[in-house]
Amino acid sequence: MNKMKHPSFIQDIINATEKGNKDNISRTKCYQEFYLTNKEIQWAFLASMVSRNAGWNMTDLKVHPMKDLLSRDVRQQLFATFERANWLIFRDAYPQLLLYKRSIEKGEPLFRHLSTINVSQFMIREWESFWHTKDKKRLVKALIINEQNVIEKPVIQHPFFKKRVFHRVPYLSQDFFHLSAVLFPTTTGKLYGASVHDFTNVSKRISLGKKLYQLLFHPQFYPLFHQFAVQTEPIGSRTEYEQYFLLPVAKTPMLRVMYPIIHHRDNIRPDWYLSGRSVKKNWWRDEGYKTNMDVSHRFYAKRFAMLAFQQLKSPQ
């Protein structure tokens, strides 16, 4: 973030963000801990659960069968995509959460300070609106819209990721590897979720985010997801939820065992909202919950097929 002179509480927010943005595990914990003490900010719980999925995808890249099917370079490029996108989102969103918390403590909106840490004017307007209306659903949608636009140029449209990841065969066949799916587990072994089939399309990513939000906070399922989250320590491994499966599966090592801390560089980018990108009407539209979001059987079948493939590849 910009190292210019800030009020002390803004500098505290910058420091806390840099500390929390160390890796996938620290991000997941920061989002979840914030939500548990500020439950009106529902996006924070959504972010924590999506962050867990990123961790599972990262560790998958280091184990069989992906280790057999994808070259080391391709796996590293996929990891870089997950890591960069999630680092950028946290860097942008977490200061917003902390400034909201500071505003609550002070009893007055302090969102004007978001401009000093390069948050979009779009979100400054939306936080000001939320302060007065308390419209939780609109704020979630606004944060989904904002964060997907934040990563659009530096990740999705970046020449490196565009050429080396999004135009490569491994990305195009990623459905087999679950990389396009976001799963919400339960302690009963059931899995719910949704997937996006064109990750490079910002509107489809926003649509996925809204679907996941509707699912996560559906009255029938929210208690199950909340129980899983508070009961299950994030370790960046599918073992987090596979421990609850009815049938045994191979354990996946923890993320911090497999990856070093990545040190990112970032440039101050133009505000996407002031750079000619319009906010589409359908980005605000509700997606709604669909009954086919129970993906347990489909996921089990795919997961066990992958494990069987691994056993066939292993020396006898």
C-alpha atoms as a PDB file:
ATOM      1  CA  MET A   1       0.000   0.000   0.000  1.00  0.00           C
ATOM      2  CA  ASN A   2       0.951   3.633  -0.370  1.00  0.00           C
ATOM      3  CA  LYS A   3       3.587   4.537   2.227  1.00  0.00           C
ATOM      4  CA  MET A   4       2.515   8.196   2.470  1.00  0.00           C
ATOM      5  CA  LYS A   5       1.808   9.721   5.885  1.00  0.00           C
ATOM      6  CA  HIS A   6      -1.548   8.586   7.261  1.00  0.00           C
ATOM      7  CA  PRO A   7      -3.519   9.181  10.461  1.00  0.00           C
ATOM      8  CA  SER A   8      -2.342   6.686  13.074  1.00  0.00           C
ATOM      9  CA  PHE A   9      -5.462   4.529  12.878  1.00  0.00           C
ATOM     10  CA  ILE A  10      -5.126   4.261   9.094  1.00  0.00           C
ATOM     11  CA  GLN A  11      -1.514   3.205   9.486  1.00  0.00           C
ATOM     12  CA  ASP A  12      -2.681   0.587  12.028  1.00  0.00           C
ATOM     13  CA  ILE A  13      -5.139  -0.720   9.415  1.00  0.00           C
ATOM     14  CA  ILE A  14      -2.401  -0.852   6.771  1.00  0.00           C
ATOM     15  CA  ASN A  15      -0.123  -2.751   9.161  1.00  0.00           C
ATOM     16  CA  ALA A  16      -2.877  -5.199  10.162  1.00  0.00           C
ATOM     17  CA  THR A  17      -3.682  -5.817   6.489  1.00  0.00           C
ATOM     18  CA  GLU A  18      -0.068  -6.557   5.607  1.00  0.00           C
ATOM     19  CA  LYS A  19       0.182  -8.954   8.547  1.00  0.00           C
ATOM     20  CA  GLY A  20      -3.072 -10.712   7.671  1.00  0.00           C
ATOM     21  CA  ASN A  21      -2.149 -11.013   3.997  1.00  0.00           C
ATOM     22  CA  LYS A  22       0.785 -13.329   4.680  1.00  0.00           C
ATOM     23  CA  ASP A  23      -0.773 -16.395   3.062  1.00  0.00           C
ATOM     24  CA  ASN A  24      -4.023 -18.201   2.392  1.00  0.00           C
ATOM     25  CA  ILE A  25      -4.389 -19.438   5.971  1.00  0.00           C
ATOM     26  CA  SER A  26      -3.944 -16.004   7.542  1.00  0.00           C
ATOM     27  CA  ARG A  27      -6.452 -14.503   5.103  1.00  0.00           C
ATOM     28  CA  THR A  28      -9.058 -17.154   5.835  1.00  0.00           C
ATOM     29  CA  LYS A  29      -8.689 -16.647   9.583  1.00  0.00           C
ATOM     30  CA  CYS A  30      -8.850 -12.853   9.356  1.00  0.00           C
ATOM     31  CA  TYR A  31     -12.061 -12.932   7.338  1.00  0.00           C
ATOM     32  CA  GLN A  32     -13.682 -15.461   9.656  1.00  0.00           C
ATOM     33  CA  GLU A  33     -12.625 -13.755  12.882  1.00  0.00           C
ATOM     34  CA  PHE A  34     -13.946 -10.451  11.582  1.00  0.00           C
ATOM     35  CA  TYR A  35     -17.284 -12.003  10.671  1.00  0.00           C
ATOM     36  CA  LEU A  36     -17.727 -13.673  14.054  1.00  0.00           C
ATOM     37  CA  THR A  37     -17.585 -10.296  15.779  1.00  0.00           C
ATOM     38  CA  ASN A  38     -19.346  -8.293  13.030  1.00  0.00           C
ATOM     39  CA  LYS A  39     -22.051 -10.604  11.702  1.00  0.00           C
ATOM     40  CA  GLU A  40     -23.860  -7.826   9.883  1.00  0.00           C
ATOM     41  CA  ILE A  41     -20.963  -7.847   7.373  1.00  0.00           C
ATOM     42  CA  GLN A  42     -21.959 -11.104   5.714  1.00  0.00           C
ATOM     43  CA  TRP A  43     -19.414 -10.759   2.917  1.00  0.00           C
ATOM     44  CA  ALA A  44     -16.648 -11.529   5.423  1.00  0.00           C
ATOM     45  CA  PHE A  45     -18.037 -15.039   6.016  1.00  0.00           C
ATOM     46  CA  LEU A  46     -18.417 -15.577   2.281  1.00  0.00           C
ATOM     47  CA  ALA A  47     -14.822 -14.425   1.763  1.00  0.00           C
ATOM     48  CA  SER A  48     -13.541 -16.807   4.445  1.00  0.00           C
ATOM     49  CA  MET A  49     -15.267 -19.807   2.861  1.00  0.00           C
ATOM     50  CA  VAL A  50     -14.105 -18.917  -0.657  1.00  0.00           C
ATOM     51  CA  SER A  51     -10.595 -18.423   0.719  1.00  0.00           C
ATOM     52  CA  ARG A  52     -10.709 -21.937   2.198  1.00  0.00           C
ATOM     53  CA  ASN A  53     -11.484 -23.251  -1.278  1.00  0.00           C
ATOM     54  CA  ALA A  54      -8.475 -21.424  -2.706  1.00  0.00           C
ATOM     55  CA  GLY A  55      -6.279 -23.139  -0.132  1.00  0.00           C
ATOM     56  CA  TRP A  56      -7.634 -26.572  -1.044  1.00  0.00           C
ATOM     57  CA  ASN A  57      -7.018 -25.896  -4.722  1.00  0.00           C
ATOM     58  CA  MET A  58      -3.464 -24.750  -4.004  1.00  0.00           C
ATOM     59  CA  THR A  59      -2.514 -27.913  -2.122  1.00  0.00           C
ATOM     60  CA  ASP A  60      -4.201 -30.100  -4.756  1.00  0.00           C
ATOM     61  CA  LEU A  61      -1.621 -28.820  -7.218  1.00  0.00           C
ATOM     62  CA  LYS A  62       1.176 -30.412  -5.183  1.00  0.00           C
ATOM     63  CA  VAL A  63      -0.274 -33.923  -4.829  1.00  0.00           C
ATOM     64  CA  HIS A  64      -1.479 -36.774  -7.031  1.00  0.00           C
ATOM     65  CA  PRO A  65      -3.112 -36.956  -9.506  1.00  0.00           C
ATOM     66  CA  MET A  66      -2.331 -33.364 -10.528  1.00  0.00           C
ATOM     67  CA  LYS A  67       1.327 -33.973  -9.853  1.00  0.00           C
ATOM     68  CA  ASP A  68       1.207 -36.670 -12.549  1.00  0.00           C
ATOM     69  CA  LEU A  69      -1.055 -34.882 -15.009  1.00  0.00           C
ATOM     70  CA  LEU A  70       0.348 -31.354 -14.997  1.00  0.00           C
ATOM     71  CA  SER A  71       3.922 -30.194 -15.435  1.00  0.00           C
ATOM     72  CA  ARG A  72       5.670 -28.404 -12.603  1.00  0.00           C
ATOM     73  CA  ASP A  73       5.582 -25.111 -14.531  1.00  0.00           C
ATOM     74  CA  VAL A  74       1.848 -25.339 -15.189  1.00  0.00           C
ATOM     75  CA  ARG A  75       1.116 -26.175 -11.556  1.00  0.00           C
ATOM     76  CA  GLN A  76       3.224 -23.225 -10.418  1.00  0.00           C
ATOM     77  CA  GLN A  77       1.372 -20.908 -12.794  1.00  0.00           C
ATOM     78  CA  LEU A  78      -1.994 -22.087 -11.479  1.00  0.00           C
ATOM     79  CA  PHE A  79      -0.805 -21.560  -7.909  1.00  0.00           C
ATOM     80  CA  ALA A  80       0.381 -18.063  -8.816  1.00  0.00           C
ATOM     81  CA  THR A  81      -3.074 -17.281 -10.199  1.00  0.00           C
ATOM     82  CA  PHE A  82      -4.865 -18.351  -7.006  1.00  0.00           C
ATOM     83  CA  GLU A  83      -2.331 -16.623  -4.777  1.00  0.00           C
ATOM     84  CA  ARG A  84      -2.217 -13.351  -6.690  1.00  0.00           C
ATOM     85  CA  ALA A  85      -5.992 -12.986  -6.988  1.00  0.00           C
ATOM     86  CA  ASN A  86      -6.614 -13.747  -3.331  1.00  0.00           C
ATOM     87  CA  TRP A  87      -3.766 -11.487  -2.175  1.00  0.00           C
ATOM     88  CA  LEU A  88      -5.155  -8.588  -4.205  1.00  0.00           C
ATOM     89  CA  ILE A  89      -8.703  -9.076  -2.936  1.00  0.00           C
ATOM     90  CA  PHE A  90      -7.578  -9.175   0.699  1.00  0.00           C
ATOM     91  CA  ARG A  91      -5.349  -6.140   0.198  1.00  0.00           C
ATOM     92  CA  ASP A  92      -8.328  -4.185  -1.088  1.00  0.00           C
ATOM     93  CA  ALA A  93     -11.166  -5.552   1.066  1.00  0.00           C
ATOM     94  CA  TYR A  94      -9.693  -6.106   4.525  1.00  0.00           C
ATOM     95  CA  PRO A  95      -8.908  -2.403   5.121  1.00  0.00           C
ATOM     96  CA  GLN A  96     -12.553  -1.686   4.292  1.00  0.00           C
ATOM     97  CA  LEU A  97     -13.662  -4.118   6.988  1.00  0.00           C
ATOM     98  CA  LEU A  98     -11.274  -2.667   9.556  1.00  0.00           C
ATOM     99  CA  LEU A  99     -12.316   0.906   8.770  1.00  0.00           C
ATOM    100  CA  TYR A 100     -15.950  -0.092   9.218  1.00  0.00           C
ATOM    101  CA  LYS A 101     -15.037  -1.524  12.617  1.00  0.00           C
ATOM    102  CA  ARG A 102     -13.232   1.706  13.517  1.00  0.00           C
ATOM    103  CA  SER A 103     -16.289   3.705  12.402  1.00  0.00           C
ATOM    104  CA  ILE A 104     -18.499   1.629  14.736  1.00  0.00           C
ATOM    105  CA  GLU A 105     -16.099   2.272  17.611  1.00  0.00           C
ATOM    106  CA  LYS A 106     -16.047   6.020  16.927  1.00  0.00           C
ATOM    107  CA  GLY A 107     -19.781   6.230  16.256  1.00  0.00           C
ATOM    108  CA  GLU A 108     -19.267   8.075  12.968  1.00  0.00           C
ATOM    109  CA  PRO A 109     -18.559   7.080   9.340  1.00  0.00           C
ATOM    110  CA  LEU A 110     -14.873   7.303   8.451  1.00  0.00           C
ATOM    111  CA  PHE A 111     -15.135   5.930   4.937  1.00  0.00           C
ATOM    112  CA  ARG A 112     -13.695   9.065   3.344  1.00  0.00           C
ATOM    113  CA  HIS A 113     -10.306   7.731   4.462  1.00  0.00           C
ATOM    114  CA  LEU A 114     -10.658   4.756   2.105  1.00  0.00           C
ATOM    115  CA  SER A 115      -9.494   6.970  -0.765  1.00  0.00           C
ATOM    116  CA  THR A 116      -6.106   7.378   0.949  1.00  0.00           C
ATOM    117  CA  ILE A 117      -5.557   3.621   0.726  1.00  0.00           C
ATOM    118  CA  ASN A 118      -6.663   3.348  -2.906  1.00  0.00           C
ATOM    119  CA  VAL A 119     -10.122   1.833  -2.397  1.00  0.00           C
ATOM    120  CA  SER A 120     -12.522   2.520  -5.256  1.00  0.00           C
ATOM    121  CA  GLN A 121     -14.946   5.427  -5.114  1.00  0.00           C
ATOM    122  CA  PHE A 122     -17.597   2.809  -5.836  1.00  0.00           C
ATOM    123  CA  MET A 123     -17.040   1.206  -2.426  1.00  0.00           C
ATOM    124  CA  ILE A 124     -16.721   4.521  -0.585  1.00  0.00           C
ATOM    125  CA  ARG A 125     -20.184   5.379  -1.858  1.00  0.00           C
ATOM    126  CA  GLU A 126     -21.537   1.934  -0.953  1.00  0.00           C
ATOM    127  CA  TRP A 127     -20.127   2.002   2.604  1.00  0.00           C
ATOM    128  CA  GLU A 128     -21.626   5.448   3.157  1.00  0.00           C
ATOM    129  CA  SER A 129     -24.961   4.102   1.946  1.00  0.00           C
ATOM    130  CA  PHE A 130     -24.726   1.025   4.181  1.00  0.00           C
ATOM    131  CA  TRP A 131     -23.974   3.201   7.211  1.00  0.00           C
ATOM    132  CA  HIS A 132     -27.400   4.828   6.799  1.00  0.00           C
ATOM    133  CA  THR A 133     -29.533   2.042   5.299  1.00  0.00           C
ATOM    134  CA  LYS A 134     -28.043  -1.089   6.942  1.00  0.00           C
ATOM    135  CA  ASP A 135     -28.837  -2.943   3.713  1.00  0.00           C
ATOM    136  CA  LYS A 136     -26.708  -6.062   4.264  1.00  0.00           C
ATOM    137  CA  LYS A 137     -27.591  -7.724   0.979  1.00  0.00           C
ATOM    138  CA  ARG A 138     -26.664  -4.684  -1.116  1.00  0.00           C
ATOM    139  CA  LEU A 139     -23.321  -4.364   0.660  1.00  0.00           C
ATOM    140  CA  VAL A 140     -22.482  -8.015  -0.093  1.00  0.00           C
ATOM    141  CA  LYS A 141     -23.316  -7.502  -3.758  1.00  0.00           C
ATOM    142  CA  ALA A 142     -21.266  -4.301  -3.853  1.00  0.00           C
ATOM    143  CA  LEU A 143     -18.221  -6.048  -2.376  1.00  0.00           C
ATOM    144  CA  ILE A 144     -18.575  -8.947  -4.831  1.00  0.00           C
ATOM    145  CA  ILE A 145     -18.811  -6.497  -7.753  1.00  0.00           C
ATOM    146  CA  ASN A 146     -15.874  -4.463  -6.506  1.00  0.00           C
ATOM    147  CA  GLU A 147     -13.461  -7.311  -5.771  1.00  0.00           C
ATOM    148  CA  GLN A 148     -14.081  -9.042  -9.095  1.00  0.00           C
ATOM    149  CA  ASN A 149     -13.357  -5.775 -10.861  1.00  0.00           C
ATOM    150  CA  VAL A 150     -10.261  -5.222  -8.690  1.00  0.00           C
ATOM    151  CA  ILE A 151      -8.685  -8.456 -10.008  1.00  0.00           C
ATOM    152  CA  GLU A 152      -9.865  -8.009 -13.604  1.00  0.00           C
ATOM    153  CA  LYS A 153      -6.847  -6.119 -14.999  1.00  0.00           C
ATOM    154  CA  PRO A 154      -3.982  -7.251 -12.721  1.00  0.00           C
ATOM    155  CA  VAL A 155      -4.907 -10.964 -12.907  1.00  0.00           C
ATOM    156  CA  ILE A 156      -7.528 -11.883 -15.503  1.00  0.00           C
ATOM    157  CA  GLN A 157      -6.298  -9.472 -18.190  1.00  0.00           C
ATOM    158  CA  HIS A 158      -2.628  -9.499 -17.179  1.00  0.00           C
ATOM    159  CA  PRO A 159      -0.506 -10.709 -20.130  1.00  0.00           C
ATOM    160  CA  PHE A 160       1.279 -13.379 -18.044  1.00  0.00           C
ATOM    161  CA  PHE A 161      -1.871 -14.984 -16.621  1.00  0.00           C
ATOM    162  CA  LYS A 162      -3.806 -14.534 -19.863  1.00  0.00           C
ATOM    163  CA  LYS A 163      -1.196 -16.327 -21.949  1.00  0.00           C
ATOM    164  CA  ARG A 164       0.214 -18.855 -19.499  1.00  0.00           C
ATOM    165  CA  VAL A 165      -2.951 -19.840 -17.598  1.00  0.00           C
ATOM    166  CA  PHE A 166      -6.287 -18.814 -19.099  1.00  0.00           C
ATOM    167  CA  HIS A 167      -5.402 -19.784 -22.672  1.00  0.00           C
ATOM    168  CA  ARG A 168      -3.793 -23.088 -21.730  1.00  0.00           C
ATOM    169  CA  VAL A 169      -5.354 -26.547 -21.936  1.00  0.00           C
ATOM    170  CA  PRO A 170      -5.054 -27.261 -18.174  1.00  0.00           C
ATOM    171  CA  TYR A 171      -7.256 -24.258 -17.417  1.00  0.00           C
ATOM    172  CA  LEU A 172      -9.770 -25.226 -20.106  1.00  0.00           C
ATOM    173  CA  SER A 173     -10.064 -28.725 -18.622  1.00  0.00           C
ATOM    174  CA  GLN A 174     -10.127 -27.562 -15.022  1.00  0.00           C
ATOM    175  CA  ASP A 175     -13.628 -28.920 -14.315  1.00  0.00           C
ATOM    176  CA  PHE A 176     -12.025 -32.337 -13.844  1.00  0.00           C
ATOM    177  CA  PHE A 177      -9.830 -30.932 -11.092  1.00  0.00           C
ATOM    178  CA  HIS A 178     -12.589 -29.032  -9.198  1.00  0.00           C
ATOM    179  CA  LEU A 179     -10.711 -25.765  -9.731  1.00  0.00           C
ATOM    180  CA  SER A 180     -13.785 -23.957 -10.988  1.00  0.00           C
ATOM    181  CA  ALA A 181     -16.021 -25.142  -8.128  1.00  0.00           C
ATOM    182  CA  VAL A 182     -16.517 -23.528  -4.721  1.00  0.00           C
ATOM    183  CA  LEU A 183     -17.605 -25.985  -2.035  1.00  0.00           C
ATOM    184  CA  PHE A 184     -19.312 -25.316   1.288  1.00  0.00           C
ATOM    185  CA  PRO A 185     -18.815 -28.376   3.504  1.00  0.00           C
ATOM    186  CA  THR A 186     -20.702 -29.518   6.586  1.00  0.00           C
ATOM    187  CA  THR A 187     -19.688 -31.672   9.538  1.00  0.00           C
ATOM    188  CA  THR A 188     -22.172 -34.312   8.328  1.00  0.00           C
ATOM    189  CA  GLY A 189     -20.083 -35.009   5.219  1.00  0.00           C
ATOM    190  CA  LYS A 190     -22.493 -33.285   2.842  1.00  0.00           C
ATOM    191  CA  LEU A 191     -21.127 -30.755   0.366  1.00  0.00           C
ATOM    192  CA  TYR A 192     -22.914 -27.863  -1.294  1.00  0.00           C
ATOM    193  CA  GLY A 193     -21.587 -25.475  -3.903  1.00  0.00           C
ATOM    194  CA  ALA A 194     -21.552 -24.034  -7.379  1.00  0.00           C
ATOM    195  CA  SER A 195     -19.105 -23.578 -10.215  1.00  0.00           C
ATOM    196  CA  VAL A 196     -18.299 -21.097 -12.956  1.00  0.00           C
ATOM    197  CA  HIS A 197     -17.491 -22.297 -16.462  1.00  0.00           C
ATOM    198  CA  ASP A 198     -15.893 -19.106 -17.767  1.00  0.00           C
ATOM    199  CA  PHE A 199     -13.775 -17.660 -14.992  1.00  0.00           C
ATOM    200  CA  THR A 200     -12.383 -14.958 -17.271  1.00  0.00           C
ATOM    201  CA  ASN A 201     -15.839 -13.379 -17.647  1.00  0.00           C
ATOM    202  CA  VAL A 202     -16.314 -10.809 -14.880  1.00  0.00           C
ATOM    203  CA  SER A 203     -20.117 -11.004 -15.048  1.00  0.00           C
ATOM    204  CA  LYS A 204     -20.030 -14.782 -14.578  1.00  0.00           C
ATOM    205  CA  ARG A 205     -17.683 -14.459 -11.587  1.00  0.00           C
ATOM    206  CA  ILE A 206     -20.029 -11.900 -10.038  1.00  0.00           C
ATOM    207  CA  SER A 207     -22.991 -14.194 -10.718  1.00  0.00           C
ATOM    208  CA  LEU A 208     -21.164 -17.061  -8.999  1.00  0.00           C
ATOM    209  CA  GLY A 209     -20.423 -14.861  -5.998  1.00  0.00           C
ATOM    210  CA  LYS A 210     -24.096 -13.968  -5.630  1.00  0.00           C
ATOM    211  CA  LYS A 211     -25.170 -17.622  -5.966  1.00  0.00           C
ATOM    212  CA  LEU A 212     -22.695 -18.610  -3.271  1.00  0.00           C
ATOM    213  CA  TYR A 213     -23.949 -15.822  -1.020  1.00  0.00           C
ATOM    214  CA  GLN A 214     -27.563 -16.941  -1.393  1.00  0.00           C
ATOM    215  CA  LEU A 215     -26.518 -20.515  -0.605  1.00  0.00           C
ATOM    216  CA  LEU A 216     -24.254 -19.654   2.328  1.00  0.00           C
ATOM    217  CA  PHE A 217     -26.948 -17.629   4.100  1.00  0.00           C
ATOM    218  CA  HIS A 218     -29.916 -19.790   3.151  1.00  0.00           C
ATOM    219  CA  PRO A 219     -31.755 -20.343   6.477  1.00  0.00           C
ATOM    220  CA  GLN A 220     -31.791 -24.111   5.948  1.00  0.00           C
ATOM    221  CA  PHE A 221     -28.045 -24.421   5.455  1.00  0.00           C
ATOM    222  CA  TYR A 222     -26.346 -21.469   7.159  1.00  0.00           C
ATOM    223  CA  PRO A 223     -26.223 -23.209  10.595  1.00  0.00           C
ATOM    224  CA  LEU A 224     -24.451 -26.193   8.998  1.00  0.00           C
ATOM    225  CA  PHE A 225     -21.842 -24.054   7.257  1.00  0.00           C
ATOM    226  CA  HIS A 226     -21.321 -21.911  10.350  1.00  0.00           C
ATOM    227  CA  GLN A 227     -20.816 -25.017  12.483  1.00  0.00           C
ATOM    228  CA  PHE A 228     -18.233 -26.344  10.043  1.00  0.00           C
ATOM    229  CA  ALA A 229     -16.354 -23.042   9.985  1.00  0.00           C
ATOM    230  CA  VAL A 230     -16.085 -22.561  13.752  1.00  0.00           C
ATOM    231  CA  GLN A 231     -15.345 -26.239  14.378  1.00  0.00           C
ATOM    232  CA  THR A 232     -12.734 -26.722  11.651  1.00  0.00           C
ATOM    233  CA  GLU A 233      -9.324 -25.061  11.759  1.00  0.00           C
ATOM    234  CA  PRO A 234      -8.219 -23.765   8.334  1.00  0.00           C
ATOM    235  CA  ILE A 235      -5.087 -25.623   7.221  1.00  0.00           C
ATOM    236  CA  GLY A 236      -5.353 -25.253   3.426  1.00  0.00           C
ATOM    237  CA  SER A 237      -6.070 -28.940   2.836  1.00  0.00           C
ATOM    238  CA  ARG A 238      -9.117 -30.919   1.764  1.00  0.00           C
ATOM    239  CA  THR A 239      -8.592 -32.894   4.949  1.00  0.00           C
ATOM    240  CA  GLU A 240     -10.513 -30.025   6.584  1.00  0.00           C
ATOM    241  CA  TYR A 241     -13.773 -31.459   5.293  1.00  0.00           C
ATOM    242  CA  GLU A 242     -12.812 -34.948   4.136  1.00  0.00           C
ATOM    243  CA  GLN A 243     -12.345 -35.875   7.804  1.00  0.00           C
ATOM    244  CA  TYR A 244     -16.149 -35.768   7.978  1.00  0.00           C
ATOM    245  CA  PHE A 245     -16.669 -38.141   5.019  1.00  0.00           C
ATOM    246  CA  LEU A 246     -18.318 -41.479   5.700  1.00  0.00           C
ATOM    247  CA  LEU A 247     -15.602 -43.278   3.739  1.00  0.00           C
ATOM    248  CA  PRO A 248     -11.840 -42.876   4.298  1.00  0.00           C
ATOM    249  CA  VAL A 249      -9.787 -40.792   1.868  1.00  0.00           C
ATOM    250  CA  ALA A 250      -6.100 -40.010   1.560  1.00  0.00           C
ATOM    251  CA  LYS A 251      -4.968 -37.059   3.664  1.00  0.00           C
ATOM    252  CA  THR A 252      -3.587 -33.989   1.905  1.00  0.00           C
ATOM    253  CA  PRO A 253      -0.640 -32.167   3.519  1.00  0.00           C
ATOM    254  CA  MET A 254      -1.191 -28.696   4.972  1.00  0.00           C
ATOM    255  CA  LEU A 255      -0.607 -25.657   2.780  1.00  0.00           C
ATOM    256  CA  ARG A 256       2.150 -24.181   4.940  1.00  0.00           C
ATOM    257  CA  VAL A 257       4.139 -27.403   4.615  1.00  0.00           C
ATOM    258  CA  MET A 258       3.950 -27.220   0.839  1.00  0.00           C
ATOM    259  CA  TYR A 259       4.413 -23.540  -0.033  1.00  0.00           C
ATOM    260  CA  PRO A 260       6.733 -20.769   1.161  1.00  0.00           C
ATOM    261  CA  ILE A 261       5.476 -17.264   1.934  1.00  0.00           C
ATOM    262  CA  ILE A 262       5.106 -15.351  -1.339  1.00  0.00           C
ATOM    263  CA  HIS A 263       6.237 -11.720  -1.295  1.00  0.00           C
ATOM    264  CA  HIS A 264       4.083  -9.675  -3.652  1.00  0.00           C
ATOM    265  CA  ARG A 265       4.717  -6.372  -5.335  1.00  0.00           C
ATOM    266  CA  ASP A 266       1.908  -4.080  -6.295  1.00  0.00           C
ATOM    267  CA  ASN A 267       1.547  -0.827  -8.164  1.00  0.00           C
ATOM    268  CA  ILE A 268      -1.082   1.797  -7.452  1.00  0.00           C
ATOM    269  CA  ARG A 269      -3.715   1.125 -10.091  1.00  0.00           C
ATOM    270  CA  PRO A 270      -6.387   3.457 -11.477  1.00  0.00           C
ATOM    271  CA  ASP A 271      -9.783   3.185  -9.822  1.00  0.00           C
ATOM    272  CA  TRP A 272     -11.694   0.689 -11.992  1.00  0.00           C
ATOM    273  CA  TYR A 273     -14.925   2.599 -11.310  1.00  0.00           C
ATOM    274  CA  LEU A 274     -13.460   5.842 -12.655  1.00  0.00           C
ATOM    275  CA  SER A 275     -11.718   4.156 -15.577  1.00  0.00           C
ATOM    276  CA  GLY A 276     -14.670   3.776 -17.882  1.00  0.00           C
ATOM    277  CA  ARG A 277     -15.959   0.423 -16.617  1.00  0.00           C
ATOM    278  CA  SER A 278     -19.696   0.691 -16.023  1.00  0.00           C
ATOM    279  CA  VAL A 279     -21.661  -1.172 -13.353  1.00  0.00           C
ATOM    280  CA  LYS A 280     -24.131  -3.412 -15.151  1.00  0.00           C
ATOM    281  CA  LYS A 281     -27.704  -3.668 -13.929  1.00  0.00           C
ATOM    282  CA  ASN A 282     -27.604  -7.469 -13.805  1.00  0.00           C
ATOM    283  CA  TRP A 283     -24.702  -7.321 -11.345  1.00  0.00           C
ATOM    284  CA  TRP A 284     -27.240  -6.182  -8.717  1.00  0.00           C
ATOM    285  CA  ARG A 285     -29.802  -8.852  -9.567  1.00  0.00           C
ATOM    286  CA  ASP A 286     -30.512 -11.661  -7.078  1.00  0.00           C
ATOM    287  CA  GLU A 287     -29.397 -15.109  -8.209  1.00  0.00           C
ATOM    288  CA  GLY A 288     -31.340 -17.177  -5.718  1.00  0.00           C
ATOM    289  CA  TYR A 289     -30.767 -20.632  -4.271  1.00  0.00           C
ATOM    290  CA  LYS A 290     -31.147 -23.662  -6.522  1.00  0.00           C
ATOM    291  CA  THR A 291     -31.996 -27.101  -5.189  1.00  0.00           C
ATOM    292  CA  ASN A 292     -29.236 -28.807  -7.201  1.00  0.00           C
ATOM    293  CA  MET A 293     -26.478 -27.155  -5.148  1.00  0.00           C
ATOM    294  CA  ASP A 294     -26.021 -30.366  -3.116  1.00  0.00           C
ATOM    295  CA  VAL A 295     -22.951 -31.683  -4.922  1.00  0.00           C
ATOM    296  CA  SER A 296     -22.017 -34.445  -2.476  1.00  0.00           C
ATOM    297  CA  HIS A 297     -22.521 -37.465  -4.751  1.00  0.00           C
ATOM    298  CA  ARG A 298     -20.952 -35.813  -7.780  1.00  0.00           C
ATOM    299  CA  PHE A 299     -17.927 -34.687  -5.781  1.00  0.00           C
ATOM    300  CA  TYR A 300     -17.501 -38.058  -4.047  1.00  0.00           C
ATOM    301  CA  ALA A 301     -17.554 -39.865  -7.394  1.00  0.00           C
ATOM    302  CA  LYS A 302     -14.982 -37.519  -8.895  1.00  0.00           C
ATOM    303  CA  ARG A 303     -12.764 -37.554  -5.813  1.00  0.00           C
ATOM    304  CA  PHE A 304     -12.671 -41.326  -5.539  1.00  0.00           C
ATOM    305  CA  ALA A 305     -12.017 -41.627  -9.278  1.00  0.00           C
ATOM    306  CA  MET A 306      -8.986 -39.387  -8.776  1.00  0.00           C
ATOM    307  CA  LEU A 307      -7.781 -41.526  -5.871  1.00  0.00           C
ATOM    308  CA  ALA A 308      -8.213 -44.669  -7.961  1.00  0.00           C
ATOM    309  CA  PHE A 309      -6.165 -43.053 -10.732  1.00  0.00           C
ATOM    310  CA  GLN A 310      -3.461 -42.282  -8.187  1.00  0.00           C
ATOM    311  CA  GLN A 311      -3.341 -45.901  -7.039  1.00  0.00           C
ATOM    312  CA  LEU A 312      -3.029 -47.128 -10.648  1.00  0.00           C
ATOM    313  CA  LYS A 313      -0.100 -44.761 -11.207  1.00  0.00           C
ATOM    314  CA  SER A 314       1.658 -45.776  -7.989  1.00  0.00           C
ATOM    315  CA  PRO A 315       4.291 -48.543  -8.213  1.00  0.00           C
ATOM    316  CA  GLN A 316       3.111 -51.882  -6.874  1.00  0.00           C
END
